[in-house]
């Protein structure tokens, strides 16, 4: 995704590439650094991003996993558990 963004003309200084395990912490670290955000994640995670980044201009894009994520049923169920 980074390569595609750079090829599309997005300067590296305007991006923050992260692989975090905690959405709340990631959003907290990025607030104030960017006015807008393009979040790229698996479809089952986009609802959590929407809720966590409420009030922040964001665009979500579904990532394509190749090969498919073997643990997808677990990850999907984890998104549905109460907090």
PDB file of N, CA and C in Angstrom:
ATOM      1  N   UNK A   1       0.828  -1.185   0.000  1.00  0.00           N
ATOM      2  CA  UNK A   1       0.000   0.000   0.000  1.00  0.00           C
ATOM      3  C   UNK A   1       0.872   1.247   0.000  1.00  0.00           C
ATOM      4  N   UNK A   2       1.984   1.192   0.699  1.00  0.00           N
ATOM      5  CA  UNK A   2       2.878   2.353   0.724  1.00  0.00           C
ATOM      6  C   UNK A   2       3.386   2.660  -0.680  1.00  0.00           C
ATOM      7  N   UNK A   3       3.811   1.629  -1.383  1.00  0.00           N
ATOM      8  CA  UNK A   3       4.303   1.822  -2.747  1.00  0.00           C
ATOM      9  C   UNK A   3       3.228   2.430  -3.630  1.00  0.00           C
ATOM     10  N   UNK A   4       2.006   1.946  -3.520  1.00  0.00           N
ATOM     11  CA  UNK A   4       0.911   2.481  -4.330  1.00  0.00           C
ATOM     12  C   UNK A   4       0.650   3.945  -3.998  1.00  0.00           C
ATOM     13  N   UNK A   5       0.689   4.287  -2.720  1.00  0.00           N
ATOM     14  CA  UNK A   5       0.464   5.683  -2.325  1.00  0.00           C
ATOM     15  C   UNK A   5       1.562   6.580  -2.892  1.00  0.00           C
ATOM     16  N   UNK A   6       2.807   6.146  -2.780  1.00  0.00           N
ATOM     17  CA  UNK A   6       3.919   6.942  -3.315  1.00  0.00           C
ATOM     18  C   UNK A   6       3.797   7.101  -4.823  1.00  0.00           C
ATOM     19  N   UNK A   7       3.434   6.030  -5.519  1.00  0.00           N
ATOM     20  CA  UNK A   7       3.256   6.097  -6.971  1.00  0.00           C
ATOM     21  C   UNK A   7       2.106   7.017  -7.363  1.00  0.00           C
ATOM     22  N   UNK A   8       1.110   7.148  -6.470  1.00  0.00           N
ATOM     23  CA  UNK A   8      -0.038   8.019  -6.742  1.00  0.00           C
ATOM     24  C   UNK A   8       0.263   9.475  -6.389  1.00  0.00           C
ATOM     25  N   UNK A   9       1.471   9.734  -5.884  1.00  0.00           N
ATOM     26  CA  UNK A   9       1.855  11.114  -5.606  1.00  0.00           C
ATOM     27  C   UNK A   9       1.700  11.550  -4.167  1.00  0.00           C
ATOM     28  N   UNK A  10       1.376  10.644  -3.262  1.00  0.00           N
ATOM     29  CA  UNK A  10       1.273  10.998  -1.846  1.00  0.00           C
ATOM     30  C   UNK A  10       2.688  11.065  -1.282  1.00  0.00           C
ATOM     31  N   UNK A  11       3.100  12.244  -0.777  1.00  0.00           N
ATOM     32  CA  UNK A  11       4.455  12.325  -0.221  1.00  0.00           C
ATOM     33  C   UNK A  11       4.592  11.483   1.041  1.00  0.00           C
ATOM     34  N   UNK A  12       5.751  10.875   1.209  1.00  0.00           N
ATOM     35  CA  UNK A  12       5.976  10.011   2.370  1.00  0.00           C
ATOM     36  C   UNK A  12       5.802  10.790   3.672  1.00  0.00           C
ATOM     37  N   UNK A  13       6.105  12.086   3.657  1.00  0.00           N
ATOM     38  CA  UNK A  13       5.970  12.907   4.865  1.00  0.00           C
ATOM     39  C   UNK A  13       4.501  13.108   5.261  1.00  0.00           C
ATOM     40  N   UNK A  14       3.578  12.825   4.355  1.00  0.00           N
ATOM     41  CA  UNK A  14       2.147  12.991   4.635  1.00  0.00           C
ATOM     42  C   UNK A  14       1.505  11.679   5.047  1.00  0.00           C
ATOM     43  N   UNK A  15       2.328  10.699   5.380  1.00  0.00           N
ATOM     44  CA  UNK A  15       1.769   9.398   5.716  1.00  0.00           C
ATOM     45  C   UNK A  15       2.415   8.853   6.981  1.00  0.00           C
ATOM     46  N   UNK A  16       1.700   7.934   7.574  1.00  0.00           N
ATOM     47  CA  UNK A  16       2.194   7.234   8.757  1.00  0.00           C
ATOM     48  C   UNK A  16       1.790   5.784   8.592  1.00  0.00           C
ATOM     49  N   UNK A  17       2.754   4.927   8.390  1.00  0.00           N
ATOM     50  CA  UNK A  17       2.483   3.511   8.158  1.00  0.00           C
ATOM     51  C   UNK A  17       2.650   2.780   9.466  1.00  0.00           C
ATOM     52  N   UNK A  18       1.594   2.118   9.872  1.00  0.00           N
ATOM     53  CA  UNK A  18       1.631   1.492  11.184  1.00  0.00           C
ATOM     54  C   UNK A  18       0.962   0.133  11.162  1.00  0.00           C
ATOM     55  N   UNK A  19       1.450  -0.749  11.979  1.00  0.00           N
ATOM     56  CA  UNK A  19       0.822  -2.049  12.223  1.00  0.00           C
ATOM     57  C   UNK A  19       0.726  -2.174  13.732  1.00  0.00           C
ATOM     58  N   UNK A  20      -0.349  -1.692  14.259  1.00  0.00           N
ATOM     59  CA  UNK A  20      -0.535  -1.700  15.700  1.00  0.00           C
ATOM     60  C   UNK A  20      -1.576  -2.752  16.063  1.00  0.00           C
ATOM     61  N   UNK A  21      -1.586  -3.142  17.300  1.00  0.00           N
ATOM     62  CA  UNK A  21      -2.563  -4.113  17.768  1.00  0.00           C
ATOM     63  C   UNK A  21      -3.728  -3.453  18.491  1.00  0.00           C
ATOM     64  N   UNK A  22      -3.633  -2.148  18.732  1.00  0.00           N
ATOM     65  CA  UNK A  22      -4.658  -1.454  19.488  1.00  0.00           C
ATOM     66  C   UNK A  22      -5.121  -0.235  18.700  1.00  0.00           C
ATOM     67  N   UNK A  23      -6.341  -0.270  18.179  1.00  0.00           N
ATOM     68  CA  UNK A  23      -6.864   0.807  17.349  1.00  0.00           C
ATOM     69  C   UNK A  23      -6.937   2.117  18.120  1.00  0.00           C
ATOM     70  N   UNK A  24      -7.381   2.062  19.368  1.00  0.00           N
ATOM     71  CA  UNK A  24      -7.507   3.288  20.163  1.00  0.00           C
ATOM     72  C   UNK A  24      -6.163   3.986  20.318  1.00  0.00           C
ATOM     73  N   UNK A  25      -5.122   3.251  20.602  1.00  0.00           N
ATOM     74  CA  UNK A  25      -3.795   3.836  20.768  1.00  0.00           C
ATOM     75  C   UNK A  25      -3.284   4.414  19.454  1.00  0.00           C
ATOM     76  N   UNK A  26      -3.508   3.716  18.363  1.00  0.00           N
ATOM     77  CA  UNK A  26      -3.072   4.203  17.060  1.00  0.00           C
ATOM     78  C   UNK A  26      -3.759   5.520  16.726  1.00  0.00           C
ATOM     79  N   UNK A  27      -5.076   5.575  16.894  1.00  0.00           N
ATOM     80  CA  UNK A  27      -5.817   6.805  16.590  1.00  0.00           C
ATOM     81  C   UNK A  27      -5.355   7.942  17.497  1.00  0.00           C
ATOM     82  N   UNK A  28      -5.162   7.661  18.790  1.00  0.00           N
ATOM     83  CA  UNK A  28      -4.696   8.689  19.726  1.00  0.00           C
ATOM     84  C   UNK A  28      -3.333   9.237  19.307  1.00  0.00           C
ATOM     85  N   UNK A  29      -2.439   8.370  18.839  1.00  0.00           N
ATOM     86  CA  UNK A  29      -1.105   8.813  18.409  1.00  0.00           C
ATOM     87  C   UNK A  29      -1.148   9.645  17.130  1.00  0.00           C
ATOM     88  N   UNK A  30      -2.148   9.424  16.293  1.00  0.00           N
ATOM     89  CA  UNK A  30      -2.226  10.140  15.015  1.00  0.00           C
ATOM     90  C   UNK A  30      -3.022  11.434  15.097  1.00  0.00           C
ATOM     91  N   UNK A  31      -3.932  11.557  16.047  1.00  0.00           N
ATOM     92  CA  UNK A  31      -4.723  12.786  16.172  1.00  0.00           C
ATOM     93  C   UNK A  31      -3.791  13.960  16.397  1.00  0.00           C
ATOM     94  N   UNK A  32      -4.089  15.042  15.725  1.00  0.00           N
ATOM     95  CA  UNK A  32      -3.256  16.230  15.845  1.00  0.00           C
ATOM     96  C   UNK A  32      -2.114  16.263  14.844  1.00  0.00           C
ATOM     97  N   UNK A  33      -1.763  15.117  14.300  1.00  0.00           N
ATOM     98  CA  UNK A  33      -0.694  15.065  13.295  1.00  0.00           C
ATOM     99  C   UNK A  33      -1.235  15.223  11.883  1.00  0.00           C
ATOM    100  N   UNK A  34      -2.485  14.780  11.684  1.00  0.00           N
ATOM    101  CA  UNK A  34      -3.089  14.815  10.360  1.00  0.00           C
ATOM    102  C   UNK A  34      -4.519  15.320  10.463  1.00  0.00           C
ATOM    103  N   UNK A  35      -4.950  16.118   9.479  1.00  0.00           N
ATOM    104  CA  UNK A  35      -6.333  16.596   9.453  1.00  0.00           C
ATOM    105  C   UNK A  35      -7.267  15.529   8.896  1.00  0.00           C
ATOM    106  N   UNK A  36      -6.737  14.700   8.004  1.00  0.00           N
ATOM    107  CA  UNK A  36      -7.518  13.634   7.382  1.00  0.00           C
ATOM    108  C   UNK A  36      -6.718  12.350   7.447  1.00  0.00           C
ATOM    109  N   UNK A  37      -7.425  11.251   7.340  1.00  0.00           N
ATOM    110  CA  UNK A  37      -6.737   9.967   7.377  1.00  0.00           C
ATOM    111  C   UNK A  37      -7.374   9.003   6.385  1.00  0.00           C
ATOM    112  N   UNK A  38      -6.539   8.220   5.745  1.00  0.00           N
ATOM    113  CA  UNK A  38      -6.985   7.108   4.913  1.00  0.00           C
ATOM    114  C   UNK A  38      -6.563   5.855   5.652  1.00  0.00           C
ATOM    115  N   UNK A  39      -7.513   5.134   6.139  1.00  0.00           N
ATOM    116  CA  UNK A  39      -7.230   3.911   6.887  1.00  0.00           C
ATOM    117  C   UNK A  39      -7.428   2.714   5.975  1.00  0.00           C
ATOM    118  N   UNK A  40      -6.429   1.875   5.891  1.00  0.00           N
ATOM    119  CA  UNK A  40      -6.498   0.663   5.076  1.00  0.00           C
ATOM    120  C   UNK A  40      -6.421  -0.524   6.019  1.00  0.00           C
ATOM    121  N   UNK A  41      -7.482  -1.316   6.031  1.00  0.00           N
ATOM    122  CA  UNK A  41      -7.524  -2.468   6.920  1.00  0.00           C
ATOM    123  C   UNK A  41      -8.462  -3.507   6.332  1.00  0.00           C
ATOM    124  N   UNK A  42      -8.539  -4.649   6.993  1.00  0.00           N
ATOM    125  CA  UNK A  42      -9.464  -5.678   6.554  1.00  0.00           C
ATOM    126  C   UNK A  42     -10.900  -5.233   6.796  1.00  0.00           C
ATOM    127  N   UNK A  43     -11.822  -5.702   5.974  1.00  0.00           N
ATOM    128  CA  UNK A  43     -13.216  -5.281   6.039  1.00  0.00           C
ATOM    129  C   UNK A  43     -13.807  -5.449   7.434  1.00  0.00           C
ATOM    130  N   UNK A  44     -13.425  -6.495   8.146  1.00  0.00           N
ATOM    131  CA  UNK A  44     -14.025  -6.762   9.447  1.00  0.00           C
ATOM    132  C   UNK A  44     -13.526  -5.801  10.517  1.00  0.00           C
ATOM    133  N   UNK A  45     -12.519  -5.017  10.219  1.00  0.00           N
ATOM    134  CA  UNK A  45     -11.962  -4.079  11.187  1.00  0.00           C
ATOM    135  C   UNK A  45     -12.438  -2.647  10.945  1.00  0.00           C
ATOM    136  N   UNK A  46     -13.033  -2.371   9.801  1.00  0.00           N
ATOM    137  CA  UNK A  46     -13.409  -1.000   9.453  1.00  0.00           C
ATOM    138  C   UNK A  46     -14.446  -0.406  10.395  1.00  0.00           C
ATOM    139  N   UNK A  47     -15.367  -1.191  10.917  1.00  0.00           N
ATOM    140  CA  UNK A  47     -16.359  -0.651  11.859  1.00  0.00           C
ATOM    141  C   UNK A  47     -15.674  -0.120  13.113  1.00  0.00           C
ATOM    142  N   UNK A  48     -14.676  -0.838  13.600  1.00  0.00           N
ATOM    143  CA  UNK A  48     -13.947  -0.379  14.793  1.00  0.00           C
ATOM    144  C   UNK A  48     -13.213   0.930  14.499  1.00  0.00           C
ATOM    145  N   UNK A  49     -12.629   1.038  13.328  1.00  0.00           N
ATOM    146  CA  UNK A  49     -11.936   2.274  12.954  1.00  0.00           C
ATOM    147  C   UNK A  49     -12.926   3.430  12.907  1.00  0.00           C
ATOM    148  N   UNK A  50     -14.101   3.202  12.313  1.00  0.00           N
ATOM    149  CA  UNK A  50     -15.118   4.257  12.243  1.00  0.00           C
ATOM    150  C   UNK A  50     -15.506   4.751  13.630  1.00  0.00           C
ATOM    151  N   UNK A  51     -15.724   3.836  14.552  1.00  0.00           N
ATOM    152  CA  UNK A  51     -16.130   4.217  15.905  1.00  0.00           C
ATOM    153  C   UNK A  51     -15.000   4.914  16.659  1.00  0.00           C
ATOM    154  N   UNK A  52     -13.804   4.420  16.535  1.00  0.00           N
ATOM    155  CA  UNK A  52     -12.671   4.972  17.271  1.00  0.00           C
ATOM    156  C   UNK A  52     -12.268   6.342  16.741  1.00  0.00           C
ATOM    157  N   UNK A  53     -12.366   6.545  15.452  1.00  0.00           N
ATOM    158  CA  UNK A  53     -11.946   7.805  14.837  1.00  0.00           C
ATOM    159  C   UNK A  53     -13.130   8.721  14.560  1.00  0.00           C
ATOM    160  N   UNK A  54     -14.221   8.572  15.294  1.00  0.00           N
ATOM    161  CA  UNK A  54     -15.408   9.422  15.100  1.00  0.00           C
ATOM    162  C   UNK A  54     -15.026  10.886  15.265  1.00  0.00           C
ATOM    163  N   UNK A  55     -15.581  11.728  14.414  1.00  0.00           N
ATOM    164  CA  UNK A  55     -15.312  13.155  14.462  1.00  0.00           C
ATOM    165  C   UNK A  55     -14.065  13.564  13.690  1.00  0.00           C
ATOM    166  N   UNK A  56     -13.359  12.631  13.152  1.00  0.00           N
ATOM    167  CA  UNK A  56     -12.139  12.886  12.394  1.00  0.00           C
ATOM    168  C   UNK A  56     -12.426  12.545  10.949  1.00  0.00           C
ATOM    169  N   UNK A  57     -12.061  13.415  10.032  1.00  0.00           N
ATOM    170  CA  UNK A  57     -12.300  13.133   8.616  1.00  0.00           C
ATOM    171  C   UNK A  57     -11.483  11.905   8.233  1.00  0.00           C
ATOM    172  N   UNK A  58     -12.164  10.840   7.858  1.00  0.00           N
ATOM    173  CA  UNK A  58     -11.466   9.613   7.520  1.00  0.00           C
ATOM    174  C   UNK A  58     -12.091   8.961   6.298  1.00  0.00           C
ATOM    175  N   UNK A  59     -11.276   8.262   5.589  1.00  0.00           N
ATOM    176  CA  UNK A  59     -11.700   7.455   4.456  1.00  0.00           C
ATOM    177  C   UNK A  59     -11.185   6.054   4.728  1.00  0.00           C
ATOM    178  N   UNK A  60     -12.039   5.083   4.583  1.00  0.00           N
ATOM    179  CA  UNK A  60     -11.640   3.695   4.831  1.00  0.00           C
ATOM    180  C   UNK A  60     -11.486   2.961   3.508  1.00  0.00           C
ATOM    181  N   UNK A  61     -10.510   2.130   3.459  1.00  0.00           N
ATOM    182  CA  UNK A  61     -10.289   1.323   2.271  1.00  0.00           C
ATOM    183  C   UNK A  61     -10.034  -0.106   2.721  1.00  0.00           C
ATOM    184  N   UNK A  62     -10.712  -1.039   2.090  1.00  0.00           N
ATOM    185  CA  UNK A  62     -10.570  -2.449   2.450  1.00  0.00           C
ATOM    186  C   UNK A  62      -9.290  -3.023   1.844  1.00  0.00           C
ATOM    187  N   UNK A  63      -8.487  -3.627   2.680  1.00  0.00           N
ATOM    188  CA  UNK A  63      -7.266  -4.282   2.216  1.00  0.00           C
ATOM    189  C   UNK A  63      -7.618  -5.645   1.638  1.00  0.00           C
ATOM    190  N   UNK A  64      -6.879  -6.046   0.644  1.00  0.00           N
ATOM    191  CA  UNK A  64      -7.053  -7.375   0.053  1.00  0.00           C
ATOM    192  C   UNK A  64      -5.937  -8.265   0.571  1.00  0.00           C
ATOM    193  N   UNK A  65      -6.301  -9.306   1.245  1.00  0.00           N
ATOM    194  CA  UNK A  65      -5.305 -10.225   1.795  1.00  0.00           C
ATOM    195  C   UNK A  65      -5.033 -11.334   0.801  1.00  0.00           C
ATOM    196  N   UNK A  66      -3.786 -11.475   0.422  1.00  0.00           N
ATOM    197  CA  UNK A  66      -3.374 -12.557  -0.477  1.00  0.00           C
ATOM    198  C   UNK A  66      -2.136 -13.173   0.119  1.00  0.00           C
ATOM    199  N   UNK A  67      -2.135 -14.380   0.518  1.00  0.00           N
ATOM    200  CA  UNK A  67      -3.261 -15.310   0.513  1.00  0.00           C
ATOM    201  C   UNK A  67      -4.294 -14.925   1.567  1.00  0.00           C
ATOM    202  N   UNK A  68      -5.473 -15.509   1.510  1.00  0.00           N
ATOM    203  CA  UNK A  68      -6.513 -15.185   2.492  1.00  0.00           C
ATOM    204  C   UNK A  68      -6.028 -15.432   3.918  1.00  0.00           C
ATOM    205  N   UNK A  69      -6.538 -14.640   4.833  1.00  0.00           N
ATOM    206  CA  UNK A  69      -6.167 -14.768   6.241  1.00  0.00           C
ATOM    207  C   UNK A  69      -6.793 -16.041   6.796  1.00  0.00           C
ATOM    208  N   UNK A  70      -5.963 -16.981   7.211  1.00  0.00           N
ATOM    209  CA  UNK A  70      -6.436 -18.273   7.706  1.00  0.00           C
ATOM    210  C   UNK A  70      -7.281 -18.105   8.966  1.00  0.00           C
ATOM    211  N   UNK A  71      -6.902 -17.160   9.818  1.00  0.00           N
ATOM    212  CA  UNK A  71      -7.601 -16.958  11.091  1.00  0.00           C
ATOM    213  C   UNK A  71      -8.758 -15.967  10.963  1.00  0.00           C
ATOM    214  N   UNK A  72      -9.235 -15.714   9.751  1.00  0.00           N
ATOM    215  CA  UNK A  72     -10.294 -14.729   9.543  1.00  0.00           C
ATOM    216  C   UNK A  72     -11.518 -14.958  10.411  1.00  0.00           C
ATOM    217  N   UNK A  73     -12.031 -16.177  10.573  1.00  0.00           N
ATOM    218  CA  UNK A  73     -13.200 -16.358  11.452  1.00  0.00           C
ATOM    219  C   UNK A  73     -12.945 -15.868  12.876  1.00  0.00           C
ATOM    220  N   UNK A  74     -11.756 -16.126  13.396  1.00  0.00           N
ATOM    221  CA  UNK A  74     -11.409 -15.650  14.740  1.00  0.00           C
ATOM    222  C   UNK A  74     -11.371 -14.126  14.779  1.00  0.00           C
ATOM    223  N   UNK A  75     -10.705 -13.496  13.806  1.00  0.00           N
ATOM    224  CA  UNK A  75     -10.593 -12.034  13.789  1.00  0.00           C
ATOM    225  C   UNK A  75     -11.960 -11.387  13.653  1.00  0.00           C
ATOM    226  N   UNK A  76     -12.819 -11.961  12.822  1.00  0.00           N
ATOM    227  CA  UNK A  76     -14.167 -11.419  12.647  1.00  0.00           C
ATOM    228  C   UNK A  76     -14.951 -11.506  13.961  1.00  0.00           C
ATOM    229  N   UNK A  77     -14.888 -12.651  14.634  1.00  0.00           N
ATOM    230  CA  UNK A  77     -15.594 -12.825  15.908  1.00  0.00           C
ATOM    231  C   UNK A  77     -15.049 -11.888  16.973  1.00  0.00           C
ATOM    232  N   UNK A  78     -13.761 -11.660  16.974  1.00  0.00           N
ATOM    233  CA  UNK A  78     -13.145 -10.769  17.960  1.00  0.00           C
ATOM    234  C   UNK A  78     -13.679  -9.346  17.817  1.00  0.00           C
ATOM    235  N   UNK A  79     -13.998  -8.921  16.609  1.00  0.00           N
ATOM    236  CA  UNK A  79     -14.544  -7.586  16.384  1.00  0.00           C
ATOM    237  C   UNK A  79     -15.945  -7.445  16.972  1.00  0.00           C
ATOM    238  N   UNK A  80     -16.633  -8.544  17.173  1.00  0.00           N
ATOM    239  CA  UNK A  80     -18.016  -8.521  17.666  1.00  0.00           C
ATOM    240  C   UNK A  80     -18.123  -8.664  19.167  1.00  0.00           C
ATOM    241  N   UNK A  81     -17.036  -8.963  19.845  1.00  0.00           N
ATOM    242  CA  UNK A  81     -17.113  -9.172  21.304  1.00  0.00           C
ATOM    243  C   UNK A  81     -17.303  -7.841  22.011  1.00  0.00           C
ATOM    244  N   UNK A  82     -18.053  -7.842  23.101  1.00  0.00           N
ATOM    245  CA  UNK A  82     -18.274  -6.601  23.849  1.00  0.00           C
ATOM    246  C   UNK A  82     -16.983  -6.142  24.528  1.00  0.00           C
ATOM    247  N   UNK A  83     -16.857  -4.829  24.690  1.00  0.00           N
ATOM    248  CA  UNK A  83     -15.650  -4.286  25.332  1.00  0.00           C
ATOM    249  C   UNK A  83     -15.898  -3.961  26.767  1.00  0.00           C
TER     250      UNK A  83
END
